Protein backbone atom coordinates (compact mmCIF):
# COMPACT_ATOMS: atom_id res chain seq x y z
CA MET A 1 20.47 4.44 -9.94
CA ALA A 2 23.06 2.78 -12.04
CA ALA A 3 22.02 2.52 -15.83
CA GLU A 4 22.22 -1.12 -15.71
CA LYS A 5 19.91 -1.53 -12.82
CA ARG A 6 17.34 0.45 -14.81
CA GLU A 7 17.23 -1.94 -17.89
CA MET A 8 14.57 -4.31 -16.70
CA MET A 9 12.11 -6.24 -18.72
CA LEU A 10 9.32 -8.22 -17.26
CA LEU A 11 7.72 -10.80 -19.59
CA GLY A 12 3.96 -11.83 -18.49
CA TYR A 13 0.56 -10.75 -18.90
CA HIS A 14 -2.13 -8.75 -16.76
CA ALA A 15 -4.28 -11.47 -15.56
CA SER A 16 -1.19 -13.87 -14.05
CA PRO A 17 -1.07 -13.35 -10.25
CA PHE A 18 2.29 -14.67 -10.43
CA VAL A 19 3.41 -11.82 -12.93
CA ASN A 20 1.25 -9.19 -10.94
CA ARG A 21 3.32 -10.33 -7.39
CA VAL A 22 6.70 -9.46 -9.29
CA ARG A 23 5.01 -6.02 -10.60
CA ILE A 24 3.81 -4.93 -7.18
CA VAL A 25 7.35 -5.35 -5.92
CA LEU A 26 8.80 -3.43 -8.78
CA LYS A 27 6.32 -0.78 -7.91
CA LEU A 28 6.81 -0.75 -4.26
CA LYS A 29 10.67 -0.29 -4.91
CA SER A 30 9.98 2.30 -7.51
CA ILE A 31 12.06 0.31 -10.21
CA GLU A 32 11.63 1.26 -13.79
CA TYR A 33 10.83 -1.90 -16.04
CA GLU A 34 9.26 -2.70 -19.44
CA LEU A 35 6.27 -5.11 -19.50
CA VAL A 36 6.50 -7.08 -22.49
CA LYS A 37 3.10 -8.57 -22.96
CA GLU A 38 2.86 -12.46 -23.55
CA ASP A 39 -0.06 -14.43 -24.79
CA PRO A 40 -0.46 -17.49 -22.55
CA THR A 41 -1.98 -19.40 -25.58
CA ARG A 42 0.54 -18.39 -28.17
CA LYS A 43 4.01 -18.29 -26.82
CA SER A 44 6.35 -16.07 -28.50
CA GLY A 45 9.94 -16.74 -29.65
CA PHE A 46 11.20 -14.22 -27.18
CA LEU A 47 9.56 -16.21 -24.20
CA LEU A 48 10.68 -19.60 -25.44
CA THR A 49 14.46 -18.43 -25.75
CA SER A 50 14.06 -16.59 -22.29
CA ASN A 51 12.82 -19.58 -20.35
CA PRO A 52 13.32 -22.71 -22.77
CA ILE A 53 12.86 -25.30 -20.00
CA TYR A 54 9.30 -24.17 -18.56
CA LYS A 55 8.02 -21.72 -21.30
CA LYS A 56 6.12 -19.90 -18.67
CA VAL A 57 5.87 -16.49 -17.40
CA PRO A 58 7.06 -14.46 -15.28
CA VAL A 59 10.48 -14.08 -16.87
CA LEU A 60 12.81 -11.12 -15.71
CA ILE A 61 15.49 -9.69 -17.96
CA HIS A 62 17.85 -7.58 -16.27
CA GLY A 63 20.43 -6.01 -19.03
CA ASN A 64 23.01 -8.75 -19.91
CA GLN A 65 22.36 -11.09 -17.31
CA PRO A 66 20.82 -14.48 -18.05
CA PRO A 67 16.85 -14.35 -17.69
CA ILE A 68 15.47 -15.12 -14.40
CA SER A 69 12.66 -17.25 -15.27
CA GLU A 70 9.24 -18.56 -13.62
CA SER A 71 9.90 -18.68 -10.13
CA ARG A 72 8.16 -15.31 -8.79
CA ILE A 73 9.89 -15.81 -5.29
CA ILE A 74 13.29 -16.22 -7.07
CA ILE A 75 12.61 -12.97 -9.08
CA MET A 76 11.62 -11.16 -6.08
CA GLU A 77 14.35 -12.07 -4.21
CA TYR A 78 16.70 -11.12 -7.02
CA ILE A 79 14.85 -7.50 -7.00
CA ASP A 80 15.06 -7.49 -3.32
CA GLU A 81 18.86 -8.15 -3.10
CA LEU A 82 19.44 -5.85 -5.85
CA TYR A 83 17.75 -2.98 -3.86
CA PRO A 84 17.89 -3.97 -0.25
CA ASP A 85 17.54 -0.28 1.25
CA ILE A 86 14.14 0.46 -0.53
CA HIS A 87 11.25 -1.26 1.07
CA PRO A 88 12.76 -4.53 1.65
CA ILE A 89 10.47 -7.29 1.00
CA PHE A 90 12.45 -10.21 3.03
CA PRO A 91 13.67 -10.22 6.31
CA SER A 92 17.42 -9.40 7.07
CA LEU A 93 18.17 -12.20 9.26
CA THR A 94 19.51 -15.30 7.28
CA SER A 95 17.47 -17.59 9.62
CA ASN A 96 14.25 -15.67 9.00
CA ARG A 97 14.84 -15.60 5.04
CA ALA A 98 15.52 -19.50 5.19
CA TYR A 99 12.10 -20.02 7.14
CA ILE A 100 10.17 -17.85 4.70
CA ARG A 101 11.63 -20.25 1.83
CA THR A 102 10.45 -23.24 3.68
CA MET A 103 6.74 -21.88 4.20
CA ARG A 104 6.47 -20.97 0.85
CA ARG A 105 6.72 -24.86 -0.35
CA SER A 106 3.64 -25.47 1.79
């Protein structure tokens, strides 16, 4: 694994189902990451600068890349595309992935 792939931080808290979904994907793919615990009632400056528009978790920070904020599906797609050969989460066919994206909106 390249060093840049291992430098991941996930901002969130244990009681959040949205954060836990991302944590499950990270665990399934055996990706090392640091969980930066956020208090949902007292948002840190780090969270506010990482997700200035929505000010919510989860936020994934990967190396020097811009933070990927809030949308758990987008974070999970990013992780799946980064490690496509390790326990794929989304279908490989483009049409099937598009179908999954439309189903999550309902």
